[in-house]
Amino acid sequence: MVTGCRVGAGPAVSCETADFSFVVRHELQSALDALHRDFFNLVVLDLREPVHGRLGRSGDFEEGIALLDAMDGEPDIERRYGFHRILALVSGRDPAELDRRIAMLAARGVGRVMRDLSECRLHEGCRFLPSKPESARTILDEMIRLTLHRQVGKLALCASGGGITGLYFELGAMKCLEDCCSPGALNGCDLYFGISSGASPSRCWPTATR
């Protein structure tokens, strides 16, 4: 059991500062369909090699790379998923091969790569270092950091123009953002800009949802 967290059905994990509900997919097309159909704050790719005490398949890394390439090859930019919100977990007995895999993930722009240290290599009498709950806690902490902490800098909401059509479009787009984001998230922008008809919703939005 992970300290400070509890596991629920779904599967789901509730910690002190964040709750996660997971949608598990093992096949490439099924994962793509889920990403196109629903909104996800984070994608976790488990690309670790199977070791004693953990289930896995030897071809997981190759399948993960194929999924990333398929996501990157999506022709419709509106359906693409931001690679900065992908966390990849890797492991392996061969340090040189593991470094190569990490470099491949970095070259594709994956937001964060974590090396699983739960397999001991320096002492034959050691089975797991650190323990599995400690490893899980480290992964959950990184997930919380990626989903709740934004990069240093200011966040701006910009609305374009387009007459009466543009006005309704911007209102619809902001309503979709409000539905997808956490409650009050649009009120957290540092700056609001609008051109022509887009100036109206961008000016009133910070107070409209409070």
N, C-alpha and C. Protein backbone atom coordinates (compact mmCIF):
# COMPACT_ATOMS: atom_id res chain seq x y z
N MET A 1 0.83 -1.19 0.00
CA MET A 1 0.00 0.00 0.00
C MET A 1 0.87 1.25 0.00
N VAL A 2 0.53 2.22 -0.82
CA VAL A 2 1.30 3.45 -0.93
C VAL A 2 0.93 4.38 0.22
N THR A 3 1.93 4.90 0.91
CA THR A 3 1.70 5.78 2.04
C THR A 3 0.96 7.04 1.60
N GLY A 4 -0.12 7.37 2.31
CA GLY A 4 -0.87 8.58 2.01
C GLY A 4 -1.85 8.45 0.87
N CYS A 5 -2.00 7.27 0.30
CA CYS A 5 -2.92 7.06 -0.83
C CYS A 5 -3.77 5.82 -0.58
N ARG A 6 -4.93 5.78 -1.20
CA ARG A 6 -5.77 4.60 -1.13
C ARG A 6 -6.22 4.23 -2.54
N VAL A 7 -6.33 2.95 -2.78
CA VAL A 7 -6.69 2.43 -4.09
C VAL A 7 -8.17 2.08 -4.10
N GLY A 8 -8.85 2.53 -5.16
CA GLY A 8 -10.27 2.24 -5.29
C GLY A 8 -10.56 1.48 -6.57
N ALA A 9 -11.83 1.26 -6.82
CA ALA A 9 -12.24 0.55 -8.03
C ALA A 9 -12.11 1.47 -9.23
N GLY A 10 -11.99 0.86 -10.39
CA GLY A 10 -11.99 1.70 -11.59
C GLY A 10 -10.98 1.37 -12.67
N PRO A 11 -9.67 1.27 -12.36
CA PRO A 11 -8.98 1.52 -11.09
C PRO A 11 -8.81 3.01 -10.81
N ALA A 12 -8.65 3.35 -9.54
CA ALA A 12 -8.48 4.74 -9.13
C ALA A 12 -7.57 4.80 -7.91
N VAL A 13 -6.86 5.93 -7.78
CA VAL A 13 -5.98 6.15 -6.64
C VAL A 13 -6.27 7.54 -6.09
N SER A 14 -6.47 7.65 -4.78
CA SER A 14 -6.71 8.93 -4.12
C SER A 14 -5.57 9.21 -3.16
N CYS A 15 -4.88 10.35 -3.37
CA CYS A 15 -3.79 10.77 -2.50
C CYS A 15 -4.17 12.08 -1.81
N GLU A 16 -3.22 12.63 -1.06
CA GLU A 16 -3.53 13.83 -0.28
C GLU A 16 -3.91 15.02 -1.17
N THR A 17 -3.20 15.19 -2.27
CA THR A 17 -3.38 16.39 -3.09
C THR A 17 -4.01 16.13 -4.46
N ALA A 18 -4.25 14.88 -4.81
CA ALA A 18 -4.80 14.60 -6.15
C ALA A 18 -5.47 13.24 -6.17
N ASP A 19 -6.45 13.11 -7.04
CA ASP A 19 -7.14 11.84 -7.28
C ASP A 19 -6.94 11.46 -8.73
N PHE A 20 -6.63 10.19 -8.99
CA PHE A 20 -6.41 9.72 -10.34
C PHE A 20 -7.35 8.56 -10.64
N SER A 21 -8.00 8.65 -11.80
CA SER A 21 -8.81 7.56 -12.31
C SER A 21 -8.17 7.09 -13.62
N PHE A 22 -7.86 5.81 -13.71
CA PHE A 22 -7.08 5.29 -14.83
C PHE A 22 -7.97 4.58 -15.84
N VAL A 23 -7.63 4.77 -17.12
CA VAL A 23 -8.22 4.01 -18.22
C VAL A 23 -7.09 3.20 -18.83
N VAL A 24 -7.14 1.89 -18.67
CA VAL A 24 -6.03 1.01 -19.07
C VAL A 24 -6.29 0.48 -20.47
N ARG A 25 -5.28 0.62 -21.33
CA ARG A 25 -5.35 0.10 -22.68
C ARG A 25 -4.05 -0.64 -23.01
N HIS A 26 -4.18 -1.81 -23.66
CA HIS A 26 -3.01 -2.62 -23.99
C HIS A 26 -2.73 -2.68 -25.49
N GLU A 27 -3.69 -2.27 -26.30
CA GLU A 27 -3.54 -2.34 -27.75
C GLU A 27 -3.45 -0.94 -28.33
N LEU A 28 -2.65 -0.79 -29.40
CA LEU A 28 -2.39 0.51 -29.99
C LEU A 28 -3.67 1.21 -30.45
N GLN A 29 -4.49 0.54 -31.23
CA GLN A 29 -5.68 1.18 -31.77
C GLN A 29 -6.67 1.54 -30.68
N SER A 30 -6.77 0.67 -29.66
CA SER A 30 -7.66 0.94 -28.55
C SER A 30 -7.22 2.19 -27.78
N ALA A 31 -5.89 2.34 -27.63
CA ALA A 31 -5.37 3.52 -26.94
C ALA A 31 -5.64 4.78 -27.76
N LEU A 32 -5.44 4.72 -29.08
CA LEU A 32 -5.70 5.87 -29.94
C LEU A 32 -7.18 6.26 -29.90
N ASP A 33 -8.05 5.26 -29.94
CA ASP A 33 -9.49 5.54 -29.89
C ASP A 33 -9.87 6.25 -28.59
N ALA A 34 -9.28 5.80 -27.48
CA ALA A 34 -9.59 6.42 -26.19
C ALA A 34 -9.10 7.86 -26.15
N LEU A 35 -7.92 8.13 -26.70
CA LEU A 35 -7.37 9.48 -26.71
C LEU A 35 -8.19 10.41 -27.59
N HIS A 36 -8.76 9.89 -28.67
CA HIS A 36 -9.57 10.71 -29.57
C HIS A 36 -10.98 10.95 -29.01
N ARG A 37 -11.43 10.03 -28.15
CA ARG A 37 -12.81 10.10 -27.68
C ARG A 37 -12.96 10.90 -26.38
N ASP A 38 -11.99 10.78 -25.48
CA ASP A 38 -12.12 11.37 -24.14
C ASP A 38 -10.97 12.32 -23.85
N PHE A 39 -11.10 13.07 -22.76
CA PHE A 39 -10.05 14.00 -22.32
C PHE A 39 -9.25 13.36 -21.20
N PHE A 40 -7.90 13.45 -21.30
CA PHE A 40 -7.01 12.88 -20.29
C PHE A 40 -5.99 13.93 -19.87
N ASN A 41 -5.82 14.08 -18.56
CA ASN A 41 -4.82 15.02 -18.05
C ASN A 41 -3.40 14.51 -18.25
N LEU A 42 -3.25 13.19 -18.33
CA LEU A 42 -1.91 12.61 -18.39
C LEU A 42 -1.98 11.24 -19.04
N VAL A 43 -0.94 10.90 -19.81
CA VAL A 43 -0.79 9.57 -20.37
C VAL A 43 0.45 8.93 -19.75
N VAL A 44 0.28 7.76 -19.15
CA VAL A 44 1.40 7.02 -18.55
C VAL A 44 1.67 5.80 -19.41
N LEU A 45 2.87 5.72 -19.96
CA LEU A 45 3.28 4.57 -20.77
C LEU A 45 4.17 3.67 -19.92
N ASP A 46 3.71 2.47 -19.64
CA ASP A 46 4.52 1.50 -18.88
C ASP A 46 5.32 0.68 -19.89
N LEU A 47 6.57 1.07 -20.10
CA LEU A 47 7.44 0.42 -21.09
C LEU A 47 8.53 -0.41 -20.41
N ARG A 48 8.30 -0.77 -19.16
CA ARG A 48 9.30 -1.52 -18.40
C ARG A 48 9.37 -2.97 -18.84
N GLU A 49 10.58 -3.54 -18.74
CA GLU A 49 10.74 -4.96 -19.02
C GLU A 49 10.17 -5.76 -17.86
N PRO A 50 9.60 -6.95 -18.14
CA PRO A 50 9.06 -7.77 -17.05
C PRO A 50 10.19 -8.26 -16.15
N VAL A 51 10.02 -8.11 -14.83
CA VAL A 51 10.99 -8.61 -13.85
C VAL A 51 10.23 -9.41 -12.81
N HIS A 52 10.96 -10.07 -11.93
CA HIS A 52 10.33 -10.88 -10.89
C HIS A 52 9.40 -10.01 -10.04
N GLY A 53 8.15 -10.44 -9.93
CA GLY A 53 7.21 -9.70 -9.11
C GLY A 53 6.38 -8.68 -9.88
N ARG A 54 6.62 -8.53 -11.20
CA ARG A 54 5.85 -7.57 -11.99
C ARG A 54 5.51 -8.18 -13.33
N LEU A 55 4.25 -8.09 -13.72
CA LEU A 55 3.82 -8.60 -15.01
C LEU A 55 4.26 -7.65 -16.12
N GLY A 56 4.48 -8.20 -17.29
CA GLY A 56 4.86 -7.38 -18.43
C GLY A 56 5.14 -8.25 -19.63
N ARG A 57 5.35 -7.63 -20.77
CA ARG A 57 5.65 -8.35 -22.00
C ARG A 57 6.94 -7.81 -22.60
N SER A 58 7.69 -8.67 -23.24
CA SER A 58 8.99 -8.27 -23.76
C SER A 58 8.90 -7.24 -24.87
N GLY A 59 7.75 -7.16 -25.55
CA GLY A 59 7.61 -6.21 -26.65
C GLY A 59 6.93 -4.91 -26.27
N ASP A 60 6.81 -4.64 -24.96
CA ASP A 60 6.10 -3.43 -24.52
C ASP A 60 6.75 -2.15 -25.03
N PHE A 61 8.09 -2.11 -25.02
CA PHE A 61 8.76 -0.87 -25.44
C PHE A 61 8.51 -0.59 -26.92
N GLU A 62 8.62 -1.61 -27.76
CA GLU A 62 8.39 -1.43 -29.19
C GLU A 62 6.95 -1.00 -29.46
N GLU A 63 6.00 -1.56 -28.72
CA GLU A 63 4.61 -1.17 -28.89
C GLU A 63 4.39 0.28 -28.43
N GLY A 64 5.09 0.66 -27.37
CA GLY A 64 4.99 2.04 -26.90
C GLY A 64 5.51 3.03 -27.93
N ILE A 65 6.63 2.71 -28.55
CA ILE A 65 7.19 3.57 -29.60
C ILE A 65 6.23 3.66 -30.79
N ALA A 66 5.62 2.53 -31.14
CA ALA A 66 4.65 2.53 -32.24
C ALA A 66 3.45 3.42 -31.90
N LEU A 67 3.02 3.42 -30.65
CA LEU A 67 1.91 4.28 -30.23
C LEU A 67 2.31 5.75 -30.33
N LEU A 68 3.50 6.09 -29.86
CA LEU A 68 3.96 7.48 -29.95
C LEU A 68 4.05 7.94 -31.39
N ASP A 69 4.56 7.08 -32.28
CA ASP A 69 4.67 7.44 -33.69
C ASP A 69 3.29 7.64 -34.31
N ALA A 70 2.34 6.80 -33.91
CA ALA A 70 0.97 6.95 -34.43
C ALA A 70 0.34 8.24 -33.92
N MET A 71 0.58 8.58 -32.66
CA MET A 71 0.06 9.83 -32.11
C MET A 71 0.69 11.04 -32.81
N ASP A 72 1.98 10.95 -33.09
CA ASP A 72 2.68 12.05 -33.75
C ASP A 72 2.27 12.19 -35.21
N GLY A 73 1.83 11.09 -35.80
CA GLY A 73 1.43 11.10 -37.21
C GLY A 73 -0.01 11.48 -37.45
N GLU A 74 -0.75 11.82 -36.39
CA GLU A 74 -2.15 12.23 -36.54
C GLU A 74 -2.23 13.48 -37.41
N PRO A 75 -2.91 13.40 -38.58
CA PRO A 75 -2.95 14.57 -39.48
C PRO A 75 -3.81 15.72 -38.96
N ASP A 76 -4.80 15.42 -38.14
CA ASP A 76 -5.68 16.46 -37.60
C ASP A 76 -5.07 17.01 -36.32
N ILE A 77 -4.57 18.23 -36.37
CA ILE A 77 -3.88 18.81 -35.21
C ILE A 77 -4.80 18.92 -34.00
N GLU A 78 -6.12 19.04 -34.23
CA GLU A 78 -7.07 19.16 -33.13
C GLU A 78 -7.20 17.85 -32.36
N ARG A 79 -6.80 16.73 -32.97
CA ARG A 79 -6.91 15.42 -32.33
C ARG A 79 -5.59 14.95 -31.72
N ARG A 80 -4.55 15.76 -31.85
CA ARG A 80 -3.25 15.37 -31.31
C ARG A 80 -3.20 15.57 -29.80
N TYR A 81 -2.42 14.71 -29.15
CA TYR A 81 -2.23 14.81 -27.70
C TYR A 81 -0.85 15.39 -27.42
N GLY A 82 -0.78 16.33 -26.48
CA GLY A 82 0.49 16.98 -26.16
C GLY A 82 1.48 16.02 -25.52
N PHE A 83 2.63 15.84 -26.15
CA PHE A 83 3.63 14.91 -25.64
C PHE A 83 4.23 15.39 -24.32
N HIS A 84 4.09 16.69 -24.00
CA HIS A 84 4.61 17.18 -22.73
C HIS A 84 3.81 16.63 -21.56
N ARG A 85 2.64 16.03 -21.82
CA ARG A 85 1.83 15.43 -20.78
C ARG A 85 1.87 13.91 -20.85
N ILE A 86 3.02 13.37 -21.24
CA ILE A 86 3.24 11.92 -21.27
C ILE A 86 4.35 11.56 -20.30
N LEU A 87 4.10 10.58 -19.44
CA LEU A 87 5.09 10.05 -18.52
C LEU A 87 5.39 8.62 -18.93
N ALA A 88 6.66 8.32 -19.23
CA ALA A 88 7.07 6.99 -19.66
C ALA A 88 7.92 6.33 -18.57
N LEU A 89 7.61 5.07 -18.27
CA LEU A 89 8.36 4.29 -17.29
C LEU A 89 9.20 3.26 -18.03
N VAL A 90 10.51 3.21 -17.76
CA VAL A 90 11.40 2.29 -18.46
C VAL A 90 12.24 1.52 -17.44
N SER A 91 12.72 0.36 -17.85
CA SER A 91 13.64 -0.44 -17.05
C SER A 91 14.36 -1.39 -18.00
N GLY A 92 15.40 -2.04 -17.51
CA GLY A 92 16.14 -2.99 -18.33
C GLY A 92 17.43 -3.42 -17.67
N ARG A 93 17.89 -4.61 -18.02
CA ARG A 93 19.12 -5.14 -17.44
C ARG A 93 20.37 -4.60 -18.12
N ASP A 94 20.23 -4.18 -19.36
CA ASP A 94 21.37 -3.69 -20.13
C ASP A 94 21.42 -2.17 -20.05
N PRO A 95 22.37 -1.59 -19.31
CA PRO A 95 22.42 -0.13 -19.16
C PRO A 95 22.53 0.61 -20.49
N ALA A 96 23.33 0.07 -21.43
CA ALA A 96 23.50 0.73 -22.72
C ALA A 96 22.18 0.75 -23.50
N GLU A 97 21.46 -0.38 -23.49
CA GLU A 97 20.18 -0.45 -24.19
C GLU A 97 19.16 0.46 -23.53
N LEU A 98 19.20 0.51 -22.20
CA LEU A 98 18.27 1.37 -21.48
C LEU A 98 18.53 2.84 -21.80
N ASP A 99 19.79 3.22 -21.88
CA ASP A 99 20.12 4.61 -22.26
C ASP A 99 19.63 4.92 -23.66
N ARG A 100 19.74 3.94 -24.55
CA ARG A 100 19.26 4.13 -25.93
C ARG A 100 17.76 4.34 -25.96
N ARG A 101 17.05 3.60 -25.14
CA ARG A 101 15.59 3.74 -25.10
C ARG A 101 15.19 5.10 -24.54
N ILE A 102 15.87 5.54 -23.50
CA ILE A 102 15.58 6.85 -22.93
C ILE A 102 15.83 7.95 -23.97
N ALA A 103 16.92 7.81 -24.75
CA ALA A 103 17.23 8.78 -25.79
C ALA A 103 16.15 8.78 -26.88
N MET A 104 15.61 7.61 -27.21
CA MET A 104 14.55 7.53 -28.22
C MET A 104 13.29 8.25 -27.74
N LEU A 105 12.95 8.08 -26.47
CA LEU A 105 11.77 8.75 -25.92
C LEU A 105 11.98 10.26 -25.87
N ALA A 106 13.18 10.68 -25.47
CA ALA A 106 13.48 12.11 -25.41
C ALA A 106 13.42 12.74 -26.81
N ALA A 107 13.90 12.02 -27.81
CA ALA A 107 13.88 12.54 -29.18
C ALA A 107 12.47 12.74 -29.70
N ARG A 108 11.52 11.99 -29.16
CA ARG A 108 10.13 12.13 -29.57
C ARG A 108 9.38 13.19 -28.75
N GLY A 109 10.06 13.81 -27.80
CA GLY A 109 9.47 14.90 -27.05
C GLY A 109 8.62 14.48 -25.87
N VAL A 110 8.83 13.24 -25.37
CA VAL A 110 8.06 12.79 -24.20
C VAL A 110 8.38 13.69 -23.01
N GLY A 111 7.34 14.12 -22.30
CA GLY A 111 7.51 15.10 -21.22
C GLY A 111 8.39 14.63 -20.09
N ARG A 112 8.26 13.37 -19.65
CA ARG A 112 9.05 12.88 -18.54
C ARG A 112 9.31 11.39 -18.71
N VAL A 113 10.55 10.97 -18.47
CA VAL A 113 10.93 9.57 -18.51
C VAL A 113 11.49 9.20 -17.15
N MET A 114 10.96 8.13 -16.55
CA MET A 114 11.41 7.67 -15.24
C MET A 114 11.98 6.26 -15.35
N ARG A 115 13.16 6.05 -14.77
CA ARG A 115 13.81 4.75 -14.78
C ARG A 115 13.41 3.99 -13.51
N ASP A 116 12.85 2.81 -13.70
CA ASP A 116 12.42 1.98 -12.57
C ASP A 116 13.64 1.31 -11.95
N LEU A 117 13.86 1.57 -10.67
CA LEU A 117 15.02 1.01 -9.97
C LEU A 117 14.65 -0.18 -9.09
N SER A 118 13.48 -0.77 -9.31
CA SER A 118 13.03 -1.86 -8.45
C SER A 118 13.71 -3.18 -8.75
N GLU A 119 14.59 -3.22 -9.75
CA GLU A 119 15.36 -4.42 -10.04
C GLU A 119 16.81 -4.18 -9.62
N CYS A 120 17.31 -4.99 -8.70
CA CYS A 120 18.68 -4.81 -8.20
C CYS A 120 19.68 -5.43 -9.18
N ARG A 121 20.77 -4.74 -9.42
CA ARG A 121 21.81 -5.24 -10.32
C ARG A 121 23.17 -5.31 -9.63
N LEU A 122 23.33 -4.60 -8.52
CA LEU A 122 24.65 -4.50 -7.90
C LEU A 122 24.88 -5.53 -6.80
N HIS A 123 23.84 -6.20 -6.34
CA HIS A 123 23.99 -7.17 -5.26
C HIS A 123 23.05 -8.34 -5.52
N GLU A 124 23.60 -9.55 -5.66
CA GLU A 124 22.79 -10.71 -6.03
C GLU A 124 21.79 -11.07 -4.95
N GLY A 125 22.09 -10.74 -3.69
CA GLY A 125 21.16 -11.08 -2.62
C GLY A 125 20.01 -10.11 -2.48
N CYS A 126 20.04 -9.02 -3.22
CA CYS A 126 18.99 -8.01 -3.13
C CYS A 126 17.94 -8.28 -4.20
N ARG A 127 16.67 -8.29 -3.81
CA ARG A 127 15.61 -8.61 -4.77
C ARG A 127 14.93 -7.34 -5.30
N PHE A 128 14.65 -6.41 -4.42
CA PHE A 128 14.00 -5.17 -4.86
C PHE A 128 14.62 -3.99 -4.13
N LEU A 129 14.96 -2.97 -4.87
CA LEU A 129 15.50 -1.74 -4.29
C LEU A 129 15.08 -0.57 -5.18
N PRO A 130 14.25 0.32 -4.75
CA PRO A 130 13.54 0.31 -3.46
C PRO A 130 12.34 -0.63 -3.48
N SER A 131 11.55 -0.62 -2.43
CA SER A 131 10.38 -1.49 -2.37
C SER A 131 9.34 -1.03 -3.39
N LYS A 132 8.43 -1.91 -3.75
CA LYS A 132 7.40 -1.55 -4.72
C LYS A 132 6.50 -0.40 -4.26
N PRO A 133 6.09 -0.34 -2.98
CA PRO A 133 5.32 0.84 -2.55
C PRO A 133 6.10 2.14 -2.68
N GLU A 134 7.42 2.10 -2.42
CA GLU A 134 8.23 3.31 -2.57
C GLU A 134 8.31 3.73 -4.03
N SER A 135 8.47 2.77 -4.92
CA SER A 135 8.51 3.08 -6.35
C SER A 135 7.18 3.66 -6.81
N ALA A 136 6.08 3.07 -6.36
CA ALA A 136 4.76 3.57 -6.73
C ALA A 136 4.55 4.99 -6.21
N ARG A 137 5.01 5.27 -5.00
CA ARG A 137 4.88 6.62 -4.44
C ARG A 137 5.66 7.63 -5.27
N THR A 138 6.85 7.25 -5.73
CA THR A 138 7.66 8.14 -6.56
C THR A 138 6.96 8.44 -7.87
N ILE A 139 6.36 7.41 -8.47
CA ILE A 139 5.64 7.60 -9.73
C ILE A 139 4.41 8.49 -9.53
N LEU A 140 3.67 8.26 -8.46
CA LEU A 140 2.49 9.08 -8.17
C LEU A 140 2.87 10.53 -7.91
N ASP A 141 3.98 10.75 -7.21
CA ASP A 141 4.44 12.12 -6.96
C ASP A 141 4.76 12.83 -8.27
N GLU A 142 5.35 12.10 -9.21
CA GLU A 142 5.67 12.71 -10.51
C GLU A 142 4.40 13.00 -11.30
N MET A 143 3.42 12.11 -11.20
CA MET A 143 2.14 12.33 -11.87
C MET A 143 1.46 13.58 -11.31
N ILE A 144 1.51 13.74 -10.00
CA ILE A 144 0.92 14.93 -9.37
C ILE A 144 1.64 16.18 -9.83
N ARG A 145 2.96 16.11 -9.90
CA ARG A 145 3.74 17.28 -10.32
C ARG A 145 3.40 17.67 -11.76
N LEU A 146 3.26 16.68 -12.64
CA LEU A 146 3.00 16.97 -14.05
C LEU A 146 1.59 17.52 -14.26
N THR A 147 0.63 17.10 -13.45
CA THR A 147 -0.75 17.50 -13.68
C THR A 147 -1.15 18.76 -12.91
N LEU A 148 -0.51 19.03 -11.78
CA LEU A 148 -0.94 20.15 -10.95
C LEU A 148 -0.01 21.36 -11.01
N HIS A 149 1.25 21.14 -11.33
CA HIS A 149 2.21 22.24 -11.32
C HIS A 149 2.49 22.69 -12.74
N ARG A 150 2.22 23.93 -13.03
CA ARG A 150 2.49 24.44 -14.36
C ARG A 150 3.86 25.12 -14.39
N GLN A 151 4.40 25.28 -15.57
CA GLN A 151 5.71 25.88 -15.72
C GLN A 151 5.69 27.34 -15.32
N VAL A 152 6.86 27.83 -14.92
CA VAL A 152 6.98 29.22 -14.52
C VAL A 152 6.68 30.12 -15.72
N GLY A 153 5.90 31.15 -15.50
CA GLY A 153 5.52 32.06 -16.57
C GLY A 153 4.05 32.39 -16.48
N LYS A 154 3.60 33.28 -17.31
CA LYS A 154 2.21 33.70 -17.28
C LYS A 154 1.38 32.93 -18.31
N LEU A 155 0.11 32.72 -17.96
CA LEU A 155 -0.82 31.99 -18.82
C LEU A 155 -1.84 32.97 -19.37
N ALA A 156 -1.98 32.98 -20.69
CA ALA A 156 -2.89 33.93 -21.35
C ALA A 156 -3.98 33.18 -22.10
N LEU A 157 -5.18 33.75 -22.10
CA LEU A 157 -6.29 33.25 -22.91
C LEU A 157 -6.53 34.27 -24.02
N CYS A 158 -6.45 33.82 -25.26
CA CYS A 158 -6.57 34.71 -26.42
C CYS A 158 -7.77 34.30 -27.27
N ALA A 159 -8.63 35.26 -27.60
CA ALA A 159 -9.82 35.00 -28.40
C ALA A 159 -9.75 35.81 -29.69
N SER A 160 -9.98 35.14 -30.82
CA SER A 160 -9.92 35.82 -32.11
C SER A 160 -11.25 36.47 -32.43
N GLY A 161 -11.32 37.16 -33.55
CA GLY A 161 -12.53 37.86 -33.96
C GLY A 161 -13.35 37.05 -34.94
N GLY A 162 -14.17 37.75 -35.76
CA GLY A 162 -14.97 37.07 -36.75
C GLY A 162 -16.44 37.46 -36.75
N GLY A 163 -16.73 38.67 -36.24
CA GLY A 163 -18.12 39.11 -36.27
C GLY A 163 -19.01 38.30 -35.35
N ILE A 164 -20.30 38.24 -35.67
CA ILE A 164 -21.25 37.52 -34.82
C ILE A 164 -20.94 36.03 -34.80
N THR A 165 -20.47 35.49 -35.95
CA THR A 165 -20.09 34.07 -35.99
C THR A 165 -18.91 33.80 -35.07
N GLY A 166 -17.92 34.71 -35.13
CA GLY A 166 -16.75 34.55 -34.27
C GLY A 166 -17.10 34.64 -32.80
N LEU A 167 -18.04 35.52 -32.47
CA LEU A 167 -18.46 35.68 -31.07
C LEU A 167 -19.03 34.38 -30.53
N TYR A 168 -19.96 33.76 -31.31
CA TYR A 168 -20.55 32.51 -30.85
C TYR A 168 -19.52 31.38 -30.82
N PHE A 169 -18.58 31.40 -31.77
CA PHE A 169 -17.54 30.38 -31.79
C PHE A 169 -16.68 30.48 -30.52
N GLU A 170 -16.26 31.71 -30.16
CA GLU A 170 -15.40 31.87 -28.99
C GLU A 170 -16.13 31.47 -27.71
N LEU A 171 -17.41 31.83 -27.60
CA LEU A 171 -18.18 31.42 -26.43
C LEU A 171 -18.28 29.90 -26.34
N GLY A 172 -18.48 29.25 -27.49
CA GLY A 172 -18.55 27.78 -27.50
C GLY A 172 -17.23 27.15 -27.13
N ALA A 173 -16.13 27.73 -27.65
CA ALA A 173 -14.81 27.19 -27.35
C ALA A 173 -14.50 27.33 -25.85
N MET A 174 -14.86 28.47 -25.27
CA MET A 174 -14.60 28.67 -23.84
C MET A 174 -15.48 27.76 -22.99
N LYS A 175 -16.70 27.52 -23.45
CA LYS A 175 -17.57 26.58 -22.72
C LYS A 175 -16.98 25.18 -22.75
N CYS A 176 -16.41 24.77 -23.88
CA CYS A 176 -15.77 23.45 -23.97
C CYS A 176 -14.56 23.37 -23.04
N LEU A 177 -13.77 24.46 -23.00
CA LEU A 177 -12.62 24.49 -22.10
C LEU A 177 -13.07 24.37 -20.65
N GLU A 178 -14.15 25.07 -20.32
CA GLU A 178 -14.64 25.01 -18.94
C GLU A 178 -15.11 23.60 -18.60
N ASP A 179 -15.74 22.90 -19.56
CA ASP A 179 -16.21 21.54 -19.31
C ASP A 179 -15.04 20.57 -19.14
N CYS A 180 -13.95 20.79 -19.88
CA CYS A 180 -12.82 19.87 -19.84
C CYS A 180 -11.88 20.12 -18.66
N CYS A 181 -11.75 21.38 -18.25
CA CYS A 181 -10.81 21.73 -17.19
C CYS A 181 -11.50 21.63 -15.82
N SER A 182 -10.69 21.71 -14.78
CA SER A 182 -11.23 21.68 -13.43
C SER A 182 -12.05 22.95 -13.18
N PRO A 183 -13.01 22.92 -12.24
CA PRO A 183 -13.87 24.09 -11.99
C PRO A 183 -13.07 25.35 -11.68
N GLY A 184 -13.41 26.44 -12.38
CA GLY A 184 -12.73 27.71 -12.16
C GLY A 184 -11.37 27.84 -12.78
N ALA A 185 -10.96 26.86 -13.60
CA ALA A 185 -9.61 26.89 -14.16
C ALA A 185 -9.40 28.10 -15.06
N LEU A 186 -10.43 28.49 -15.83
CA LEU A 186 -10.27 29.63 -16.74
C LEU A 186 -10.12 30.94 -15.99
N ASN A 187 -10.54 30.98 -14.74
CA ASN A 187 -10.35 32.18 -13.94
C ASN A 187 -8.90 32.33 -13.48
N GLY A 188 -8.10 31.28 -13.68
CA GLY A 188 -6.72 31.32 -13.23
C GLY A 188 -5.74 31.87 -14.25
N CYS A 189 -6.22 32.29 -15.42
CA CYS A 189 -5.33 32.89 -16.42
C CYS A 189 -4.79 34.22 -15.91
N ASP A 190 -3.56 34.52 -16.28
CA ASP A 190 -2.95 35.78 -15.87
C ASP A 190 -3.35 36.93 -16.80
N LEU A 191 -3.57 36.63 -18.08
CA LEU A 191 -3.88 37.66 -19.06
C LEU A 191 -5.03 37.18 -19.94
N TYR A 192 -5.86 38.13 -20.41
CA TYR A 192 -6.97 37.83 -21.31
C TYR A 192 -6.91 38.82 -22.48
N PHE A 193 -6.87 38.28 -23.71
CA PHE A 193 -6.80 39.11 -24.90
C PHE A 193 -7.93 38.75 -25.86
N GLY A 194 -8.42 39.74 -26.59
CA GLY A 194 -9.44 39.48 -27.59
C GLY A 194 -9.35 40.46 -28.73
N ILE A 195 -9.60 39.97 -29.95
CA ILE A 195 -9.61 40.80 -31.14
C ILE A 195 -11.05 40.96 -31.62
N SER A 196 -11.47 42.21 -31.81
CA SER A 196 -12.81 42.50 -32.32
C SER A 196 -13.87 41.80 -31.48
N SER A 197 -14.69 40.94 -32.09
CA SER A 197 -15.76 40.29 -31.34
C SER A 197 -15.23 39.37 -30.25
N GLY A 198 -14.01 38.90 -30.41
CA GLY A 198 -13.42 38.04 -29.37
C GLY A 198 -13.07 38.79 -28.11
N ALA A 199 -13.09 40.15 -28.17
CA ALA A 199 -12.78 40.94 -26.98
C ALA A 199 -13.88 40.84 -25.95
N SER A 200 -15.13 40.63 -26.38
CA SER A 200 -16.24 40.59 -25.43
C SER A 200 -16.17 39.38 -24.50
N PRO A 201 -16.09 38.15 -25.03
CA PRO A 201 -16.01 37.02 -24.11
C PRO A 201 -14.71 36.99 -23.31
N SER A 202 -13.60 37.43 -23.90
CA SER A 202 -12.33 37.41 -23.16
C SER A 202 -12.34 38.41 -22.03
N ARG A 203 -13.13 39.51 -22.17
CA ARG A 203 -13.18 40.53 -21.14
C ARG A 203 -14.10 40.11 -19.99
N CYS A 204 -15.18 39.42 -20.31
CA CYS A 204 -16.16 39.12 -19.27
C CYS A 204 -15.92 37.75 -18.64
N TRP A 205 -15.14 36.87 -19.28
CA TRP A 205 -15.03 35.49 -18.79
C TRP A 205 -14.45 35.38 -17.37
N PRO A 206 -13.45 36.18 -16.99
CA PRO A 206 -12.90 36.01 -15.65
C PRO A 206 -13.92 36.17 -14.54
N THR A 207 -15.01 36.89 -14.77
CA THR A 207 -16.02 37.07 -13.71
C THR A 207 -17.28 36.27 -13.99
N ALA A 208 -17.43 35.78 -15.23
CA ALA A 208 -18.69 35.12 -15.60
C ALA A 208 -18.86 33.79 -14.90
N THR A 209 -17.75 33.07 -14.61
CA THR A 209 -17.86 31.73 -14.05
C THR A 209 -17.65 31.70 -12.55
N ARG A 210 -17.46 32.83 -11.93
CA ARG A 210 -17.23 32.84 -10.48
C ARG A 210 -18.56 32.71 -9.73
